[in-house]
Amino acid sequence: MAVPARRVSHARRDKRRSSVWKMDAPALQRCPQCGELKRAHRVCDSCGYYNGRQIISVED
């Protein structure tokens, strides 16, 4: 069986276990057309607008 050659230090162990590398929730912004929350640089799901132009037609 494999056995670790050296003991892992507290700092190295804690660095590995830290949540620094974990993903954050995406930042949301208000759509200037309808006011719904949407992700940045993406077409709004509720109205279909992006950068002041209608990209997709959304049925109500």
PDB file of N, CA and C in Angstrom:
ATOM      1  N   MET A   1       0.834  -1.196   0.000  1.00  0.00           N
ATOM      2  CA  MET A   1       0.000   0.000   0.000  1.00  0.00           C
ATOM      3  C   MET A   1       0.869   1.246   0.000  1.00  0.00           C
ATOM      4  N   ALA A   2       0.381   2.263  -0.684  1.00  0.00           N
ATOM      5  CA  ALA A   2       1.129   3.510  -0.747  1.00  0.00           C
ATOM      6  C   ALA A   2       0.928   4.306   0.530  1.00  0.00           C
ATOM      7  N   VAL A   3       2.023   4.861   1.006  1.00  0.00           N
ATOM      8  CA  VAL A   3       1.993   5.677   2.210  1.00  0.00           C
ATOM      9  C   VAL A   3       2.619   7.022   1.867  1.00  0.00           C
ATOM     10  N   PRO A   4       2.024   8.136   2.298  1.00  0.00           N
ATOM     11  CA  PRO A   4       2.622   9.444   2.004  1.00  0.00           C
ATOM     12  C   PRO A   4       4.029   9.545   2.574  1.00  0.00           C
ATOM     13  N   ALA A   5       4.945  10.076   1.787  1.00  0.00           N
ATOM     14  CA  ALA A   5       6.332  10.192   2.217  1.00  0.00           C
ATOM     15  C   ALA A   5       6.484  11.207   3.339  1.00  0.00           C
ATOM     16  N   ARG A   6       5.736  12.309   3.248  1.00  0.00           N
ATOM     17  CA  ARG A   6       5.832  13.357   4.262  1.00  0.00           C
ATOM     18  C   ARG A   6       4.427  13.782   4.679  1.00  0.00           C
ATOM     19  N   ARG A   7       4.356  14.277   5.883  1.00  0.00           N
ATOM     20  CA  ARG A   7       3.095  14.781   6.387  1.00  0.00           C
ATOM     21  C   ARG A   7       2.768  16.107   5.703  1.00  0.00           C
ATOM     22  N   VAL A   8       1.513  16.317   5.384  1.00  0.00           N
ATOM     23  CA  VAL A   8       1.085  17.561   4.747  1.00  0.00           C
ATOM     24  C   VAL A   8       0.911  18.619   5.832  1.00  0.00           C
ATOM     25  N   SER A   9       1.488  19.792   5.588  1.00  0.00           N
ATOM     26  CA  SER A   9       1.403  20.862   6.586  1.00  0.00           C
ATOM     27  C   SER A   9      -0.023  21.407   6.672  1.00  0.00           C
ATOM     28  N   HIS A  10      -0.304  22.080   7.787  1.00  0.00           N
ATOM     29  CA  HIS A  10      -1.633  22.662   7.994  1.00  0.00           C
ATOM     30  C   HIS A  10      -1.950  23.687   6.906  1.00  0.00           C
ATOM     31  N   ALA A  11      -0.956  24.518   6.558  1.00  0.00           N
ATOM     32  CA  ALA A  11      -1.183  25.564   5.563  1.00  0.00           C
ATOM     33  C   ALA A  11      -1.502  24.960   4.193  1.00  0.00           C
ATOM     34  N   ARG A  12      -0.745  23.946   3.805  1.00  0.00           N
ATOM     35  CA  ARG A  12      -0.976  23.321   2.499  1.00  0.00           C
ATOM     36  C   ARG A  12      -2.331  22.618   2.470  1.00  0.00           C
ATOM     37  N   ARG A  13      -2.659  21.943   3.554  1.00  0.00           N
ATOM     38  CA  ARG A  13      -3.947  21.262   3.643  1.00  0.00           C
ATOM     39  C   ARG A  13      -5.094  22.266   3.584  1.00  0.00           C
ATOM     40  N   ASP A  14      -4.997  23.351   4.346  1.00  0.00           N
ATOM     41  CA  ASP A  14      -6.065  24.342   4.390  1.00  0.00           C
ATOM     42  C   ASP A  14      -6.189  25.094   3.071  1.00  0.00           C
ATOM     43  N   LYS A  15      -5.062  25.318   2.386  1.00  0.00           N
ATOM     44  CA  LYS A  15      -5.102  25.971   1.090  1.00  0.00           C
ATOM     45  C   LYS A  15      -5.885  25.114   0.089  1.00  0.00           C
ATOM     46  N   ARG A  16      -5.692  23.835   0.160  1.00  0.00           N
ATOM     47  CA  ARG A  16      -6.390  22.930  -0.734  1.00  0.00           C
ATOM     48  C   ARG A  16      -7.880  22.883  -0.415  1.00  0.00           C
ATOM     49  N   ARG A  17      -8.226  22.952   0.846  1.00  0.00           N
ATOM     50  CA  ARG A  17      -9.625  22.854   1.265  1.00  0.00           C
ATOM     51  C   ARG A  17     -10.381  24.172   1.174  1.00  0.00           C
ATOM     52  N   SER A  18      -9.662  25.257   0.950  1.00  0.00           N
ATOM     53  CA  SER A  18     -10.315  26.566   0.964  1.00  0.00           C
ATOM     54  C   SER A  18     -11.304  26.694  -0.186  1.00  0.00           C
ATOM     55  N   SER A  19     -12.174  27.643  -0.083  1.00  0.00           N
ATOM     56  CA  SER A  19     -13.200  27.843  -1.105  1.00  0.00           C
ATOM     57  C   SER A  19     -12.794  28.921  -2.094  1.00  0.00           C
ATOM     58  N   VAL A  20     -11.506  29.216  -2.216  1.00  0.00           N
ATOM     59  CA  VAL A  20     -11.052  30.245  -3.133  1.00  0.00           C
ATOM     60  C   VAL A  20     -11.308  29.828  -4.568  1.00  0.00           C
ATOM     61  N   TRP A  21     -11.136  28.578  -4.878  1.00  0.00           N
ATOM     62  CA  TRP A  21     -11.238  28.104  -6.253  1.00  0.00           C
ATOM     63  C   TRP A  21     -12.662  27.817  -6.687  1.00  0.00           C
ATOM     64  N   LYS A  22     -13.602  27.809  -5.759  1.00  0.00           N
ATOM     65  CA  LYS A  22     -14.975  27.461  -6.103  1.00  0.00           C
ATOM     66  C   LYS A  22     -15.653  28.603  -6.860  1.00  0.00           C
ATOM     67  N   MET A  23     -16.588  28.253  -7.736  1.00  0.00           N
ATOM     68  CA  MET A  23     -17.278  29.251  -8.556  1.00  0.00           C
ATOM     69  C   MET A  23     -18.227  30.101  -7.728  1.00  0.00           C
ATOM     70  N   ASP A  24     -18.355  31.346  -8.129  1.00  0.00           N
ATOM     71  CA  ASP A  24     -19.316  32.251  -7.518  1.00  0.00           C
ATOM     72  C   ASP A  24     -20.599  32.228  -8.347  1.00  0.00           C
ATOM     73  N   ALA A  25     -21.643  32.730  -7.752  1.00  0.00           N
ATOM     74  CA  ALA A  25     -22.900  32.864  -8.494  1.00  0.00           C
ATOM     75  C   ALA A  25     -22.713  33.942  -9.559  1.00  0.00           C
ATOM     76  N   PRO A  26     -23.330  33.791 -10.721  1.00  0.00           N
ATOM     77  CA  PRO A  26     -23.145  34.787 -11.771  1.00  0.00           C
ATOM     78  C   PRO A  26     -23.748  36.131 -11.365  1.00  0.00           C
ATOM     79  N   ALA A  27     -23.070  37.200 -11.771  1.00  0.00           N
ATOM     80  CA  ALA A  27     -23.553  38.548 -11.472  1.00  0.00           C
ATOM     81  C   ALA A  27     -24.758  38.859 -12.357  1.00  0.00           C
ATOM     82  N   LEU A  28     -25.789  39.397 -11.769  1.00  0.00           N
ATOM     83  CA  LEU A  28     -27.008  39.716 -12.510  1.00  0.00           C
ATOM     84  C   LEU A  28     -27.159  41.218 -12.640  1.00  0.00           C
ATOM     85  N   GLN A  29     -27.724  41.647 -13.761  1.00  0.00           N
ATOM     86  CA  GLN A  29     -27.979  43.054 -14.012  1.00  0.00           C
ATOM     87  C   GLN A  29     -29.425  43.217 -14.456  1.00  0.00           C
ATOM     88  N   ARG A  30     -29.929  44.433 -14.348  1.00  0.00           N
ATOM     89  CA  ARG A  30     -31.294  44.725 -14.802  1.00  0.00           C
ATOM     90  C   ARG A  30     -31.287  44.965 -16.301  1.00  0.00           C
ATOM     91  N   CYS A  31     -32.266  44.417 -16.970  1.00  0.00           N
ATOM     92  CA  CYS A  31     -32.437  44.652 -18.405  1.00  0.00           C
ATOM     93  C   CYS A  31     -32.952  46.078 -18.588  1.00  0.00           C
ATOM     94  N   PRO A  32     -32.325  46.873 -19.471  1.00  0.00           N
ATOM     95  CA  PRO A  32     -32.801  48.251 -19.654  1.00  0.00           C
ATOM     96  C   PRO A  32     -34.171  48.335 -20.322  1.00  0.00           C
ATOM     97  N   GLN A  33     -34.587  47.293 -21.024  1.00  0.00           N
ATOM     98  CA  GLN A  33     -35.881  47.310 -21.709  1.00  0.00           C
ATOM     99  C   GLN A  33     -37.032  46.966 -20.771  1.00  0.00           C
ATOM    100  N   CYS A  34     -36.912  45.819 -20.071  1.00  0.00           N
ATOM    101  CA  CYS A  34     -38.049  45.343 -19.277  1.00  0.00           C
ATOM    102  C   CYS A  34     -37.788  45.376 -17.769  1.00  0.00           C
ATOM    103  N   GLY A  35     -36.541  45.512 -17.349  1.00  0.00           N
ATOM    104  CA  GLY A  35     -36.241  45.607 -15.927  1.00  0.00           C
ATOM    105  C   GLY A  35     -36.032  44.273 -15.226  1.00  0.00           C
ATOM    106  N   GLU A  36     -36.125  43.176 -15.963  1.00  0.00           N
ATOM    107  CA  GLU A  36     -35.901  41.858 -15.365  1.00  0.00           C
ATOM    108  C   GLU A  36     -34.407  41.645 -15.128  1.00  0.00           C
ATOM    109  N   LEU A  37     -34.084  40.763 -14.191  1.00  0.00           N
ATOM    110  CA  LEU A  37     -32.693  40.428 -13.950  1.00  0.00           C
ATOM    111  C   LEU A  37     -32.195  39.485 -15.042  1.00  0.00           C
ATOM    112  N   LYS A  38     -30.985  39.757 -15.543  1.00  0.00           N
ATOM    113  CA  LYS A  38     -30.386  38.913 -16.569  1.00  0.00           C
ATOM    114  C   LYS A  38     -28.882  38.904 -16.371  1.00  0.00           C
ATOM    115  N   ARG A  39     -28.201  37.906 -16.976  1.00  0.00           N
ATOM    116  CA  ARG A  39     -26.749  37.854 -16.920  1.00  0.00           C
ATOM    117  C   ARG A  39     -26.164  38.844 -17.906  1.00  0.00           C
ATOM    118  N   ALA A  40     -24.994  39.354 -17.609  1.00  0.00           N
ATOM    119  CA  ALA A  40     -24.360  40.363 -18.449  1.00  0.00           C
ATOM    120  C   ALA A  40     -23.970  39.778 -19.804  1.00  0.00           C
ATOM    121  N   HIS A  41     -24.062  40.571 -20.847  1.00  0.00           N
ATOM    122  CA  HIS A  41     -23.659  40.223 -22.211  1.00  0.00           C
ATOM    123  C   HIS A  41     -24.437  39.038 -22.763  1.00  0.00           C
ATOM    124  N   ARG A  42     -25.701  38.942 -22.401  1.00  0.00           N
ATOM    125  CA  ARG A  42     -26.557  37.884 -22.920  1.00  0.00           C
ATOM    126  C   ARG A  42     -27.922  38.457 -23.256  1.00  0.00           C
ATOM    127  N   VAL A  43     -28.619  37.805 -24.167  1.00  0.00           N
ATOM    128  CA  VAL A  43     -29.961  38.235 -24.556  1.00  0.00           C
ATOM    129  C   VAL A  43     -30.893  38.036 -23.368  1.00  0.00           C
ATOM    130  N   CYS A  44     -31.762  39.001 -23.138  1.00  0.00           N
ATOM    131  CA  CYS A  44     -32.723  38.908 -22.041  1.00  0.00           C
ATOM    132  C   CYS A  44     -33.736  37.812 -22.367  1.00  0.00           C
ATOM    133  N   ASP A  45     -33.976  36.924 -21.408  1.00  0.00           N
ATOM    134  CA  ASP A  45     -34.906  35.822 -21.627  1.00  0.00           C
ATOM    135  C   ASP A  45     -36.356  36.286 -21.668  1.00  0.00           C
ATOM    136  N   SER A  46     -36.669  37.373 -20.985  1.00  0.00           N
ATOM    137  CA  SER A  46     -38.068  37.779 -20.896  1.00  0.00           C
ATOM    138  C   SER A  46     -38.512  38.656 -22.062  1.00  0.00           C
ATOM    139  N   CYS A  47     -37.620  39.504 -22.608  1.00  0.00           N
ATOM    140  CA  CYS A  47     -38.041  40.393 -23.699  1.00  0.00           C
ATOM    141  C   CYS A  47     -37.296  40.142 -25.006  1.00  0.00           C
ATOM    142  N   GLY A  48     -36.159  39.458 -24.977  1.00  0.00           N
ATOM    143  CA  GLY A  48     -35.431  39.141 -26.198  1.00  0.00           C
ATOM    144  C   GLY A  48     -34.528  40.241 -26.710  1.00  0.00           C
ATOM    145  N   TYR A  49     -34.289  41.270 -25.913  1.00  0.00           N
ATOM    146  CA  TYR A  49     -33.454  42.387 -26.347  1.00  0.00           C
ATOM    147  C   TYR A  49     -32.010  42.200 -25.901  1.00  0.00           C
ATOM    148  N   TYR A  50     -31.081  42.712 -26.726  1.00  0.00           N
ATOM    149  CA  TYR A  50     -29.665  42.772 -26.367  1.00  0.00           C
ATOM    150  C   TYR A  50     -29.073  44.015 -26.998  1.00  0.00           C
ATOM    151  N   ASN A  51     -28.441  44.828 -26.208  1.00  0.00           N
ATOM    152  CA  ASN A  51     -27.771  46.048 -26.668  1.00  0.00           C
ATOM    153  C   ASN A  51     -28.727  46.982 -27.406  1.00  0.00           C
ATOM    154  N   GLY A  52     -29.958  47.077 -26.899  1.00  0.00           N
ATOM    155  CA  GLY A  52     -30.931  47.997 -27.467  1.00  0.00           C
ATOM    156  C   GLY A  52     -31.654  47.491 -28.708  1.00  0.00           C
ATOM    157  N   ARG A  53     -31.364  46.282 -29.159  1.00  0.00           N
ATOM    158  CA  ARG A  53     -32.008  45.724 -30.344  1.00  0.00           C
ATOM    159  C   ARG A  53     -32.707  44.422 -29.979  1.00  0.00           C
ATOM    160  N   GLN A  54     -33.828  44.151 -30.654  1.00  0.00           N
ATOM    161  CA  GLN A  54     -34.526  42.895 -30.405  1.00  0.00           C
ATOM    162  C   GLN A  54     -33.839  41.808 -31.229  1.00  0.00           C
ATOM    163  N   ILE A  55     -33.318  40.806 -30.525  1.00  0.00           N
ATOM    164  CA  ILE A  55     -32.588  39.722 -31.157  1.00  0.00           C
ATOM    165  C   ILE A  55     -33.494  38.534 -31.429  1.00  0.00           C
ATOM    166  N   ILE A  56     -34.275  38.168 -30.439  1.00  0.00           N
ATOM    167  CA  ILE A  56     -35.201  37.037 -30.593  1.00  0.00           C
ATOM    168  C   ILE A  56     -36.605  37.517 -30.259  1.00  0.00           C
ATOM    169  N   SER A  57     -37.594  36.910 -30.891  1.00  0.00           N
ATOM    170  CA  SER A  57     -38.971  37.264 -30.571  1.00  0.00           C
ATOM    171  C   SER A  57     -39.468  36.342 -29.468  1.00  0.00           C
ATOM    172  N   VAL A  58     -39.963  36.936 -28.399  1.00  0.00           N
ATOM    173  CA  VAL A  58     -40.435  36.176 -27.247  1.00  0.00           C
ATOM    174  C   VAL A  58     -41.948  36.288 -27.207  1.00  0.00           C
ATOM    175  N   GLU A  59     -42.589  35.147 -27.156  1.00  0.00           N
ATOM    176  CA  GLU A  59     -44.051  35.137 -27.089  1.00  0.00           C
ATOM    177  C   GLU A  59     -44.491  35.211 -25.638  1.00  0.00           C
ATOM    178  N   ASP A  60     -45.520  35.985 -25.372  1.00  0.00           N
ATOM    179  CA  ASP A  60     -46.012  36.162 -23.997  1.00  0.00           C
ATOM    180  C   ASP A  60     -46.880  35.028 -23.551  1.00  0.00           C
TER     181      ASP A  60
END
